[in-house]
Structures are given as C-alpha cells and as structure tokens.
Amino acid sequence: MSTFTLHDLQCFDAVARSGGFQPAAELLHRSHPAVHAAVTRLEQQIGLQLLDRSGYRVALTAAGKSFHRKAQATLMEMAGLQVHAQQLAMGEEDELRVVIGDICPQREVLATLAEFFRNRPATRLHVQVEAVTGPIERLYDGDADLIVHGVDQSDPGIEWMPLSKIPFVPVVAPGFLRFPVGRAVKPAQLREYTQCVIRDTARHTQGKDYFMVQGAHQCSVPDQQMKKEIILQGLAWGHLPRFLVERELEEGCLLSIAGRYLPGSVEQLVAARRSDRPHGPVAQELWEFLRGSKSETAGRS
C-alpha cells in the first residue's frame, strides 16, 4: 500500500463533510478535477472504496465512514501541530489586547492583570471595557487577544476557563415603588416604572436582551457604576451584580426585589480566547497565570 498525503486526506474530508466534489472544491478553494483526483488516488493507495458514487450525491461507504472518523482525528492533530509551530515561531508580543466585560469585578481583574504585567515590561497591555455582546464581538473581529466576560460555552470557536460566579440581583431605592416591596413582585407590576439597562457596545452583532420587562420604559447607560447611581437616586430599577451593591443592600440604601417572579441570575465569568488562532508566548503565559489565579479571583468576587 502506497503512502497517502495530507492533501489527499483533506480532500476526502471535505467531500465527506460537504456531500460532493464541487462543494468540497469550493470549500478548499481548489478545482473540481483536483479534488476528484486526490480522493480517487487515496482510494487506490489504500485499496478501499470510500465513496459510493452511484447516487445523485456521493455518500460514504461503510469503510468510508470508519476511515473518515480516523482521518478527522488525524487532521485535527495536524491542525493543532501547525498552530503550535506558529506559536513557537512567534516572538514576544509588543502588545496584548484584553477586553473586560461589564459583569466583571473590575478592581480584582485589573489587579490580577497588573500583577502579571509588572514583570513583563516589554509587552504593553491595552485594556478596553465593553458591554453585553461587545466583548465577544471584539474577540471575533480580531480586536482582542483575550476577554474576561460571559460567553456561550458551547461556541466551538473559543476556548474558555471559568473564573468566578457573578450573582445578579434586581434592586430598587427605598420609596421608588408605589407598593410594598416583597418577594412576590411580578414583572407586570414594574411595567409602568423605568428600567435601567446596560447599553450593548456591539457594532454589528445582534444584541441580546437581559432581564428586560417588555413594554416598560427604559433608560440605557454605558456601565454598571452609572446604572447603580441611577438606581440609587430613585430614577429607575434594574439588575446589578451583587458585589457592586453588597454594602448598599446591608445599609438599606437599596432594596432587593428578588423573589419567585424575579429570581435574578448567576452569570459565569470566564477568560476566553479564540481556539482557531495561534497565541504568542506572553499570551500563553497570561492564560496559564489566569488558570493559576482563578480560585483567588473567585474568592475575592
């Protein structure tokens, strides 16, 4: 049996995934004849018929299905090896771009970053604060090397590590509501009151609504601190991270209206980066540093 090439495997994988030679050629930016020749050559080299060409669309034979599973594992290993080689070839970065999301305990996260970069004077840290879906958009646009925010944990395009849990609680200022504050407040009762929300900084990604009461008047602010001040002054109500209002809740400056109908939420704060791109040595060191310090961050937040 002759030795087959990585190119032959890639062509076969593309045909298996796309269901035809033409879509595979478009996927690989190669010609139809070149992809067809590569797959035919692969079959001849291993002595197996991998594709059933009798129908309108090509289909994997039983042997083809088994071979494809193994081929995919090999191709994934090769992709990982290529990324690792790129990382080894990269020198220390001049700059790392970190985007902090609006749910972060900023003082703790910035203290962690300061501790890391204190011993790396050759790499400049560029910090940007974004809100709602802004951080993940910056990551996918290539404007961030790493984000600290919440993410869709099923997204295959990113890798992430948990840092801490961030509880959110719905709060009002005393006297803001014209009915007694209790644990049975319903969203419909809040419809006539102004709700303060964080302004999404995403530029082209469809935004997401968090804790919105449909039909209620809303005022939007750029960050959690401004949102807190708006609510403290009795101008609106809204959800805030508990770490930001713990003292005000204890002193009675703010009242929780969390209950059966407004349970609040607990958001997972993570560090996240692209899984399909190489990361330089300092970025990788930062990743490992965050991994080692995440338990401390969780304890402080």
Protein backbone atom coordinates (compact mmCIF):
# COMPACT_ATOMS: atom_id res chain seq x y z
CA MET A 1 0.00 0.00 0.00
CA SER A 2 1.40 3.38 -1.02
CA THR A 3 1.65 6.28 1.42
CA PHE A 4 -1.11 8.86 1.03
CA THR A 5 -0.65 12.57 1.59
CA LEU A 6 -2.20 15.14 3.90
CA HIS A 7 -3.65 16.83 0.81
CA ASP A 8 -5.47 13.62 -0.13
CA LEU A 9 -6.93 13.35 3.38
CA GLN A 10 -8.08 16.97 3.34
CA CYS A 11 -9.85 16.49 0.02
CA PHE A 12 -11.56 13.31 1.20
CA ASP A 13 -12.66 15.00 4.45
CA ALA A 14 -14.08 17.97 2.53
CA VAL A 15 -16.08 15.67 0.21
CA ALA A 16 -17.37 13.65 3.18
CA ARG A 17 -18.46 16.79 5.04
CA SER A 18 -19.95 18.67 2.09
CA GLY A 19 -21.51 15.73 0.25
CA GLY A 20 -19.96 16.33 -3.15
CA PHE A 21 -16.84 17.12 -5.14
CA GLN A 22 -17.91 20.58 -6.29
CA PRO A 23 -18.82 21.92 -2.83
CA ALA A 24 -15.62 20.35 -1.48
CA ALA A 25 -13.62 22.12 -4.19
CA GLU A 26 -15.24 25.44 -3.25
CA LEU A 27 -14.56 24.78 0.43
CA LEU A 28 -10.87 24.11 -0.24
CA HIS A 29 -10.51 26.76 -2.97
CA ARG A 30 -9.31 24.08 -5.40
CA SER A 31 -10.61 22.81 -8.74
CA HIS A 32 -13.17 20.03 -9.05
CA PRO A 33 -10.77 17.79 -11.02
CA ALA A 34 -8.01 18.24 -8.43
CA VAL A 35 -10.29 17.17 -5.55
CA HIS A 36 -11.68 14.24 -7.55
CA ALA A 37 -8.17 13.07 -8.46
CA ALA A 38 -7.00 13.31 -4.84
CA VAL A 39 -9.86 11.18 -3.49
CA THR A 40 -9.52 8.63 -6.29
CA ARG A 41 -5.78 8.42 -5.61
CA LEU A 42 -6.44 7.92 -1.90
CA GLU A 43 -8.84 5.03 -2.61
CA GLN A 44 -6.31 3.40 -4.91
CA GLN A 45 -3.48 3.81 -2.41
CA ILE A 46 -5.34 2.19 0.49
CA GLY A 47 -7.24 -0.34 -1.62
CA LEU A 48 -10.71 0.66 -0.35
CA GLN A 49 -13.78 2.23 -1.91
CA LEU A 50 -14.52 5.14 0.39
CA LEU A 51 -17.32 6.80 -1.59
CA ASP A 52 -20.48 5.48 -3.18
CA ARG A 53 -20.85 7.47 -6.41
CA SER A 54 -23.99 5.72 -7.71
CA GLY A 55 -26.49 8.30 -6.43
CA TYR A 56 -27.13 11.96 -7.16
CA ARG A 57 -24.88 12.85 -4.24
CA VAL A 58 -21.84 10.90 -3.24
CA ALA A 59 -22.10 9.06 0.06
CA LEU A 60 -19.65 7.35 2.36
CA THR A 61 -19.44 3.59 2.20
CA ALA A 62 -19.24 1.63 5.45
CA ALA A 63 -15.46 1.57 5.08
CA GLY A 64 -15.52 5.25 4.21
CA LYS A 65 -17.37 6.13 7.42
CA SER A 66 -14.86 4.26 9.55
CA PHE A 67 -11.89 5.71 7.68
CA HIS A 68 -13.34 9.22 7.88
CA ARG A 69 -13.58 9.09 11.68
CA LYS A 70 -9.89 8.24 11.92
CA ALA A 71 -9.00 10.80 9.24
CA GLN A 72 -10.77 13.58 11.14
CA ALA A 73 -8.77 12.80 14.28
CA THR A 74 -5.54 12.92 12.25
CA LEU A 75 -6.48 16.23 10.61
CA MET A 76 -7.31 17.76 13.99
CA GLU A 77 -3.92 16.66 15.32
CA MET A 78 -2.21 18.19 12.29
CA ALA A 79 -4.09 21.48 12.73
CA GLY A 80 -3.04 21.57 16.38
CA LEU A 81 0.57 20.86 15.41
CA GLN A 82 0.53 23.69 12.87
CA VAL A 83 -0.82 26.13 15.46
CA HIS A 84 1.84 25.00 17.94
CA ALA A 85 4.57 25.55 15.33
CA GLN A 86 3.24 29.06 14.68
CA GLN A 87 3.31 29.78 18.41
CA LEU A 88 6.91 28.61 18.69
CA ALA A 89 7.89 30.82 15.76
CA MET A 90 6.34 33.94 17.29
CA GLY A 91 8.49 36.24 19.38
CA GLU A 92 7.27 38.03 22.49
CA GLU A 93 4.35 40.29 21.68
CA ASP A 94 4.75 44.08 21.80
CA GLU A 95 1.13 44.42 22.92
CA LEU A 96 -1.68 42.28 24.30
CA ARG A 97 -5.26 43.42 23.96
CA VAL A 98 -7.60 42.43 26.78
CA VAL A 99 -11.29 43.31 26.78
CA ILE A 100 -13.09 43.38 30.13
CA GLY A 101 -16.84 42.91 30.10
CA ASP A 102 -19.42 44.81 32.10
CA ILE A 103 -20.11 41.93 34.53
CA CYS A 104 -16.50 41.89 35.82
CA PRO A 105 -15.39 42.90 39.29
CA GLN A 106 -13.03 45.42 37.67
CA ARG A 107 -10.73 46.11 40.61
CA GLU A 108 -9.93 42.42 41.13
CA VAL A 109 -9.47 41.66 37.43
CA LEU A 110 -7.25 44.70 36.88
CA ALA A 111 -5.19 43.82 39.96
CA THR A 112 -4.60 40.35 38.52
CA LEU A 113 -3.54 41.81 35.17
CA ALA A 114 -1.26 44.33 36.90
CA GLU A 115 0.45 41.55 38.84
CA PHE A 116 1.12 39.64 35.62
CA PHE A 117 2.37 42.56 33.51
CA ARG A 118 4.53 44.02 36.27
CA ASN A 119 7.24 41.52 35.33
CA ARG A 120 6.80 41.85 31.56
CA PRO A 121 7.81 45.42 30.70
CA ALA A 122 8.44 44.58 27.04
CA THR A 123 4.75 43.84 26.43
CA ARG A 124 2.28 46.71 26.66
CA LEU A 125 -1.20 45.92 27.96
CA HIS A 126 -4.10 47.53 26.10
CA VAL A 127 -7.32 47.30 28.16
CA GLN A 128 -10.75 48.03 26.77
CA VAL A 129 -14.13 47.82 28.51
CA GLU A 130 -17.11 46.58 26.50
CA ALA A 131 -20.66 45.63 27.42
CA VAL A 132 -23.17 42.85 26.77
CA THR A 133 -22.17 41.25 23.42
CA GLY A 134 -19.39 43.76 22.74
CA PRO A 135 -16.57 41.63 24.25
CA ILE A 136 -17.25 38.52 22.16
CA GLU A 137 -17.63 40.67 19.03
CA ARG A 138 -14.22 42.26 19.70
CA LEU A 139 -12.75 38.77 20.07
CA TYR A 140 -14.15 37.52 16.77
CA ASP A 141 -13.25 40.75 14.97
CA GLY A 142 -9.61 40.23 15.95
CA ASP A 143 -9.57 43.31 18.20
CA ALA A 144 -8.89 41.32 21.38
CA ASP A 145 -6.43 38.59 22.29
CA LEU A 146 -8.42 37.67 25.39
CA ILE A 147 -11.70 38.70 27.01
CA VAL A 148 -12.96 38.47 30.57
CA HIS A 149 -16.74 38.22 30.39
CA GLY A 150 -19.54 35.72 29.95
CA VAL A 151 -19.64 33.60 26.79
CA ASP A 152 -21.68 30.95 25.04
CA GLN A 153 -19.87 27.95 26.43
CA SER A 154 -20.97 25.74 23.51
CA ASP A 155 -19.29 28.01 20.94
CA PRO A 156 -16.65 25.84 19.18
CA GLY A 157 -14.73 28.91 18.04
CA ILE A 158 -13.48 29.81 21.51
CA GLU A 159 -11.78 28.16 24.45
CA TRP A 160 -12.53 29.40 27.93
CA MET A 161 -11.78 28.84 31.58
CA PRO A 162 -14.14 29.64 34.47
CA LEU A 163 -13.05 32.40 36.83
CA SER A 164 -15.95 33.04 39.20
CA LYS A 165 -19.73 33.15 39.57
CA ILE A 166 -21.35 36.59 39.43
CA PRO A 167 -24.81 36.77 41.08
CA PHE A 168 -27.15 39.48 39.75
CA VAL A 169 -29.97 40.85 41.90
CA PRO A 170 -32.91 43.14 40.95
CA VAL A 171 -32.84 46.25 43.16
CA VAL A 172 -34.72 49.48 43.79
CA ALA A 173 -34.20 52.53 46.00
CA PRO A 174 -36.49 52.81 49.04
CA GLY A 175 -39.73 54.58 48.08
CA PHE A 176 -39.25 54.03 44.34
CA LEU A 177 -42.16 51.61 44.07
CA ARG A 178 -45.66 52.76 44.97
CA PHE A 179 -46.48 49.41 46.54
CA PRO A 180 -44.83 47.37 49.31
CA VAL A 181 -41.55 45.73 48.38
CA GLY A 182 -41.67 41.97 48.84
CA ARG A 183 -40.55 38.68 47.39
CA ALA A 184 -43.64 38.34 45.18
CA VAL A 185 -43.07 41.31 42.86
CA LYS A 186 -44.08 40.39 39.32
CA PRO A 187 -42.58 41.84 36.11
CA ALA A 188 -46.02 43.11 35.09
CA GLN A 189 -46.08 45.30 38.21
CA LEU A 190 -42.88 47.01 37.04
CA ARG A 191 -44.12 47.84 33.56
CA GLU A 192 -45.04 51.41 34.50
CA TYR A 193 -41.62 52.05 36.07
CA THR A 194 -38.41 52.99 34.27
CA GLN A 195 -35.93 50.14 33.93
CA CYS A 196 -32.21 50.90 33.67
CA VAL A 197 -30.24 48.68 31.29
CA ILE A 198 -26.66 48.48 30.05
CA ARG A 199 -26.07 49.73 26.51
CA ASP A 200 -24.73 46.98 24.22
CA THR A 201 -21.40 48.04 22.67
CA ALA A 202 -21.59 45.53 19.80
CA ARG A 203 -21.30 47.29 16.44
CA HIS A 204 -22.66 44.72 14.04
CA THR A 205 -23.71 41.69 16.12
CA GLN A 206 -27.37 41.33 17.01
CA GLY A 207 -27.69 42.31 20.65
CA LYS A 208 -29.20 40.28 23.45
CA ASP A 209 -31.80 41.32 25.98
CA TYR A 210 -31.13 40.51 29.62
CA PHE A 211 -33.82 40.84 32.32
CA MET A 212 -35.94 43.11 30.09
CA VAL A 213 -39.55 43.81 31.11
CA GLN A 214 -41.49 44.04 27.87
CA GLY A 215 -43.37 47.31 27.46
CA ALA A 216 -41.50 49.14 30.22
CA HIS A 217 -39.82 52.47 29.62
CA GLN A 218 -36.04 52.04 29.59
CA CYS A 219 -33.02 54.22 30.09
CA SER A 220 -29.65 52.92 28.91
CA VAL A 221 -26.25 53.60 30.45
CA PRO A 222 -22.69 52.63 29.45
CA ASP A 223 -21.63 50.77 32.60
CA GLN A 224 -22.71 49.17 35.85
CA GLN A 225 -21.45 52.03 38.04
CA MET A 226 -23.64 54.59 36.25
CA LYS A 227 -26.54 52.13 36.41
CA LYS A 228 -26.04 51.84 40.16
CA GLU A 229 -26.11 55.63 40.58
CA ILE A 230 -29.29 55.95 38.51
CA ILE A 231 -31.00 53.33 40.70
CA LEU A 232 -29.66 54.82 43.95
CA GLN A 233 -31.18 58.20 43.02
CA GLY A 234 -34.58 56.59 42.54
CA LEU A 235 -34.70 57.23 38.81
CA ALA A 236 -35.09 53.59 37.73
CA TRP A 237 -34.81 49.99 38.87
CA GLY A 238 -32.63 47.23 37.47
CA HIS A 239 -30.39 44.20 37.95
CA LEU A 240 -26.90 44.75 39.34
CA PRO A 241 -24.04 42.41 40.22
CA ARG A 242 -24.21 41.68 43.94
CA PHE A 243 -20.54 42.51 44.51
CA LEU A 244 -21.32 46.09 43.43
CA VAL A 245 -24.26 46.63 45.80
CA GLU A 246 -23.45 44.44 48.81
CA ARG A 247 -22.85 47.41 51.14
CA GLU A 248 -25.91 49.34 49.90
CA LEU A 249 -28.11 46.30 50.49
CA GLU A 250 -26.75 45.90 54.01
CA GLU A 251 -27.26 49.60 54.79
CA GLY A 252 -30.74 49.71 53.26
CA CYS A 253 -29.82 52.26 50.57
CA LEU A 254 -31.01 49.69 48.04
CA LEU A 255 -33.68 47.02 48.41
CA SER A 256 -33.71 43.65 46.71
CA ILE A 257 -36.93 42.70 44.93
CA ALA A 258 -35.65 39.23 44.08
CA GLY A 259 -38.20 36.51 44.54
CA ARG A 260 -40.30 33.89 42.83
CA TYR A 261 -41.07 36.01 39.77
CA LEU A 262 -37.81 37.99 39.65
CA PRO A 263 -35.21 35.42 40.68
CA GLY A 264 -32.17 37.29 39.40
CA SER A 265 -29.43 35.17 37.90
CA VAL A 266 -25.91 33.86 38.34
CA GLU A 267 -23.55 34.52 35.43
CA GLN A 268 -20.35 32.59 34.81
CA LEU A 269 -17.37 34.91 34.44
CA VAL A 270 -14.70 33.39 32.19
CA ALA A 271 -11.46 34.19 30.45
CA ALA A 272 -11.87 33.36 26.76
CA ARG A 273 -9.76 33.40 23.59
CA ARG A 274 -10.03 32.17 20.02
CA SER A 275 -9.43 28.45 19.66
CA ASP A 276 -8.58 28.64 15.95
CA ARG A 277 -5.64 31.06 16.17
CA PRO A 278 -2.09 30.79 17.50
CA HIS A 279 -1.22 32.61 20.69
CA GLY A 280 2.17 34.15 21.35
CA PRO A 281 4.35 33.25 24.33
CA VAL A 282 3.19 36.12 26.56
CA ALA A 283 -0.48 35.46 25.74
CA GLN A 284 0.05 31.81 26.64
CA GLU A 285 1.81 32.77 29.89
CA LEU A 286 -1.12 35.06 30.75
CA TRP A 287 -3.55 32.21 30.09
CA GLU A 288 -1.67 29.92 32.45
CA PHE A 289 -1.34 32.72 35.02
CA LEU A 290 -5.12 33.22 35.00
CA ARG A 291 -5.63 29.50 35.33
CA GLY A 292 -3.49 29.54 38.46
CA SER A 293 -5.11 32.61 39.97
CA LYS A 294 -8.78 31.93 39.15
CA SER A 295 -9.55 30.47 42.58
CA GLU A 296 -8.29 33.68 44.19
CA THR A 297 -10.40 35.80 41.82
CA ALA A 298 -13.46 33.70 42.69
CA GLY A 299 -12.81 34.19 46.38
CA ARG A 300 -12.46 37.97 46.08
CA SER A 301 -15.52 38.48 43.89
